[in-house]
């Protein structure tokens, strides 16, 4: 896995990472919902890890290193999959749903 970037922002339950292409990724505690570009971890708090904005982030082997004070094991990572509901293709049904949502 080739992944590298820098720490963009730090919060208690999340750390946002910025890659050279501008893409943002999030590392989060397990108290946060899973989402695209998010890695859920068993880390309790990021604000106590001694991380700083601009810290280097990179993957090596099966670990993601965040600054000099944090590493995340990647062996049991699960890919997030979105399950979208099915929608009718009939225009009248869609118009009725939009009208109901505007009430």
C-alpha atoms as a PDB file:
ATOM      1  CA  UNK A   1       0.000   0.000   0.000  1.00  0.00           C
ATOM      2  CA  UNK A   2       1.419   3.371  -0.979  1.00  0.00           C
ATOM      3  CA  UNK A   3      -0.139   6.081   1.103  1.00  0.00           C
ATOM      4  CA  UNK A   4       1.363   9.289   2.359  1.00  0.00           C
ATOM      5  CA  UNK A   5       0.271  12.735   3.353  1.00  0.00           C
ATOM      6  CA  UNK A   6       0.215  15.085   6.310  1.00  0.00           C
ATOM      7  CA  UNK A   7      -1.986  15.733   9.320  1.00  0.00           C
ATOM      8  CA  UNK A   8      -4.496  18.406   8.278  1.00  0.00           C
ATOM      9  CA  UNK A   9      -6.609  18.833  11.429  1.00  0.00           C
ATOM     10  CA  UNK A  10      -6.776  17.180  14.846  1.00  0.00           C
ATOM     11  CA  UNK A  11      -9.835  16.686  17.019  1.00  0.00           C
ATOM     12  CA  UNK A  12     -10.471  14.454  20.016  1.00  0.00           C
ATOM     13  CA  UNK A  13     -12.287  11.769  18.004  1.00  0.00           C
ATOM     14  CA  UNK A  14     -10.816  12.324  14.526  1.00  0.00           C
ATOM     15  CA  UNK A  15      -7.668  13.258  12.652  1.00  0.00           C
ATOM     16  CA  UNK A  16      -7.948  14.476   9.074  1.00  0.00           C
ATOM     17  CA  UNK A  17      -5.149  13.667   6.665  1.00  0.00           C
ATOM     18  CA  UNK A  18      -4.389  15.508   3.450  1.00  0.00           C
ATOM     19  CA  UNK A  19      -2.708  13.742   0.546  1.00  0.00           C
ATOM     20  CA  UNK A  20      -0.588  15.499  -2.096  1.00  0.00           C
ATOM     21  CA  UNK A  21      -3.490  15.286  -4.582  1.00  0.00           C
ATOM     22  CA  UNK A  22      -5.688  17.276  -2.162  1.00  0.00           C
ATOM     23  CA  UNK A  23      -7.826  14.309  -1.095  1.00  0.00           C
ATOM     24  CA  UNK A  24      -8.820  14.278   2.586  1.00  0.00           C
ATOM     25  CA  UNK A  25      -8.999  11.111   4.684  1.00  0.00           C
ATOM     26  CA  UNK A  26     -10.120  10.664   8.273  1.00  0.00           C
ATOM     27  CA  UNK A  27      -8.847   8.415  11.045  1.00  0.00           C
ATOM     28  CA  UNK A  28     -11.511   8.135  13.741  1.00  0.00           C
ATOM     29  CA  UNK A  29     -12.270   6.554  17.087  1.00  0.00           C
ATOM     30  CA  UNK A  30     -14.891   3.809  17.171  1.00  0.00           C
ATOM     31  CA  UNK A  31     -17.411   6.314  18.570  1.00  0.00           C
ATOM     32  CA  UNK A  32     -17.683   7.868  15.083  1.00  0.00           C
ATOM     33  CA  UNK A  33     -19.814   6.411  12.275  1.00  0.00           C
ATOM     34  CA  UNK A  34     -17.973   4.814   9.390  1.00  0.00           C
ATOM     35  CA  UNK A  35     -17.975   6.763   6.140  1.00  0.00           C
ATOM     36  CA  UNK A  36     -16.105   7.098   2.856  1.00  0.00           C
ATOM     37  CA  UNK A  37     -12.383   7.838   3.256  1.00  0.00           C
ATOM     38  CA  UNK A  38     -12.591   7.045   6.979  1.00  0.00           C
ATOM     39  CA  UNK A  39     -10.562   4.532   8.969  1.00  0.00           C
ATOM     40  CA  UNK A  40     -12.230   3.541  12.249  1.00  0.00           C
ATOM     41  CA  UNK A  41      -9.734   2.583  14.980  1.00  0.00           C
ATOM     42  CA  UNK A  42      -9.674   1.488  18.609  1.00  0.00           C
ATOM     43  CA  UNK A  43      -7.739   4.638  19.576  1.00  0.00           C
ATOM     44  CA  UNK A  44      -9.521   6.379  22.479  1.00  0.00           C
ATOM     45  CA  UNK A  45      -8.516   9.970  21.762  1.00  0.00           C
ATOM     46  CA  UNK A  46      -6.341  11.676  19.181  1.00  0.00           C
ATOM     47  CA  UNK A  47      -5.936  14.914  21.121  1.00  0.00           C
ATOM     48  CA  UNK A  48      -3.750  13.062  23.656  1.00  0.00           C
ATOM     49  CA  UNK A  49      -1.420  11.447  21.094  1.00  0.00           C
ATOM     50  CA  UNK A  50       0.994  14.355  20.719  1.00  0.00           C
ATOM     51  CA  UNK A  51       0.129  14.850  17.053  1.00  0.00           C
ATOM     52  CA  UNK A  52       0.667  18.156  15.273  1.00  0.00           C
ATOM     53  CA  UNK A  53      -0.705  19.692  12.098  1.00  0.00           C
ATOM     54  CA  UNK A  54       1.778  18.984   9.329  1.00  0.00           C
ATOM     55  CA  UNK A  55       3.030  15.701  10.834  1.00  0.00           C
ATOM     56  CA  UNK A  56       3.965  13.176   8.171  1.00  0.00           C
ATOM     57  CA  UNK A  57       1.616  10.235   7.578  1.00  0.00           C
ATOM     58  CA  UNK A  58       2.620   7.147   5.615  1.00  0.00           C
ATOM     59  CA  UNK A  59       1.856   3.460   5.258  1.00  0.00           C
ATOM     60  CA  UNK A  60       4.602   0.889   5.582  1.00  0.00           C
ATOM     61  CA  UNK A  61       3.872  -2.809   5.634  1.00  0.00           C
ATOM     62  CA  UNK A  62       0.615  -3.272   7.492  1.00  0.00           C
ATOM     63  CA  UNK A  63       0.863  -0.093   9.557  1.00  0.00           C
ATOM     64  CA  UNK A  64      -0.200   3.482   9.023  1.00  0.00           C
ATOM     65  CA  UNK A  65       2.165   5.844  10.825  1.00  0.00           C
ATOM     66  CA  UNK A  66       0.786   9.191  11.939  1.00  0.00           C
ATOM     67  CA  UNK A  67       3.532  11.510  13.086  1.00  0.00           C
ATOM     68  CA  UNK A  68       6.044  10.017  15.500  1.00  0.00           C
ATOM     69  CA  UNK A  69       3.531   9.066  18.176  1.00  0.00           C
ATOM     70  CA  UNK A  70       0.803   6.972  16.560  1.00  0.00           C
ATOM     71  CA  UNK A  71       0.538   3.884  14.386  1.00  0.00           C
ATOM     72  CA  UNK A  72      -2.565   2.058  13.208  1.00  0.00           C
ATOM     73  CA  UNK A  73      -2.481  -1.644  12.357  1.00  0.00           C
ATOM     74  CA  UNK A  74      -4.168  -2.326   9.010  1.00  0.00           C
ATOM     75  CA  UNK A  75      -4.553  -6.126   9.036  1.00  0.00           C
ATOM     76  CA  UNK A  76      -8.268  -6.165   9.845  1.00  0.00           C
ATOM     77  CA  UNK A  77      -9.411  -3.085   7.935  1.00  0.00           C
ATOM     78  CA  UNK A  78     -12.850  -3.403   6.335  1.00  0.00           C
ATOM     79  CA  UNK A  79     -13.758  -1.399   3.266  1.00  0.00           C
ATOM     80  CA  UNK A  80     -16.805   0.834   3.740  1.00  0.00           C
ATOM     81  CA  UNK A  81     -19.586   0.013   1.282  1.00  0.00           C
ATOM     82  CA  UNK A  82     -22.519   2.311   0.720  1.00  0.00           C
ATOM     83  CA  UNK A  83     -25.917   0.661   0.361  1.00  0.00           C
ATOM     84  CA  UNK A  84     -28.189   3.036  -1.482  1.00  0.00           C
ATOM     85  CA  UNK A  85     -31.931   2.427  -1.421  1.00  0.00           C
ATOM     86  CA  UNK A  86     -33.624   1.622  -4.691  1.00  0.00           C
ATOM     87  CA  UNK A  87     -35.629   4.415  -6.286  1.00  0.00           C
ATOM     88  CA  UNK A  88     -38.502   4.265  -8.702  1.00  0.00           C
ATOM     89  CA  UNK A  89     -37.812   5.395 -12.232  1.00  0.00           C
ATOM     90  CA  UNK A  90     -41.397   6.582 -12.654  1.00  0.00           C
ATOM     91  CA  UNK A  91     -41.588  10.377 -12.760  1.00  0.00           C
ATOM     92  CA  UNK A  92     -44.976  10.628 -11.029  1.00  0.00           C
ATOM     93  CA  UNK A  93     -43.818   8.598  -8.035  1.00  0.00           C
ATOM     94  CA  UNK A  94     -40.657  10.713  -7.741  1.00  0.00           C
ATOM     95  CA  UNK A  95     -42.672  13.949  -7.921  1.00  0.00           C
ATOM     96  CA  UNK A  96     -44.999  12.675  -5.176  1.00  0.00           C
ATOM     97  CA  UNK A  97     -42.018  11.859  -2.955  1.00  0.00           C
ATOM     98  CA  UNK A  98     -40.481  15.291  -3.490  1.00  0.00           C
ATOM     99  CA  UNK A  99     -43.825  16.968  -2.757  1.00  0.00           C
ATOM    100  CA  UNK A 100     -44.202  14.944   0.456  1.00  0.00           C
ATOM    101  CA  UNK A 101     -40.667  15.860   1.555  1.00  0.00           C
ATOM    102  CA  UNK A 102     -41.407  19.565   1.125  1.00  0.00           C
ATOM    103  CA  UNK A 103     -44.334  19.508   3.571  1.00  0.00           C
END
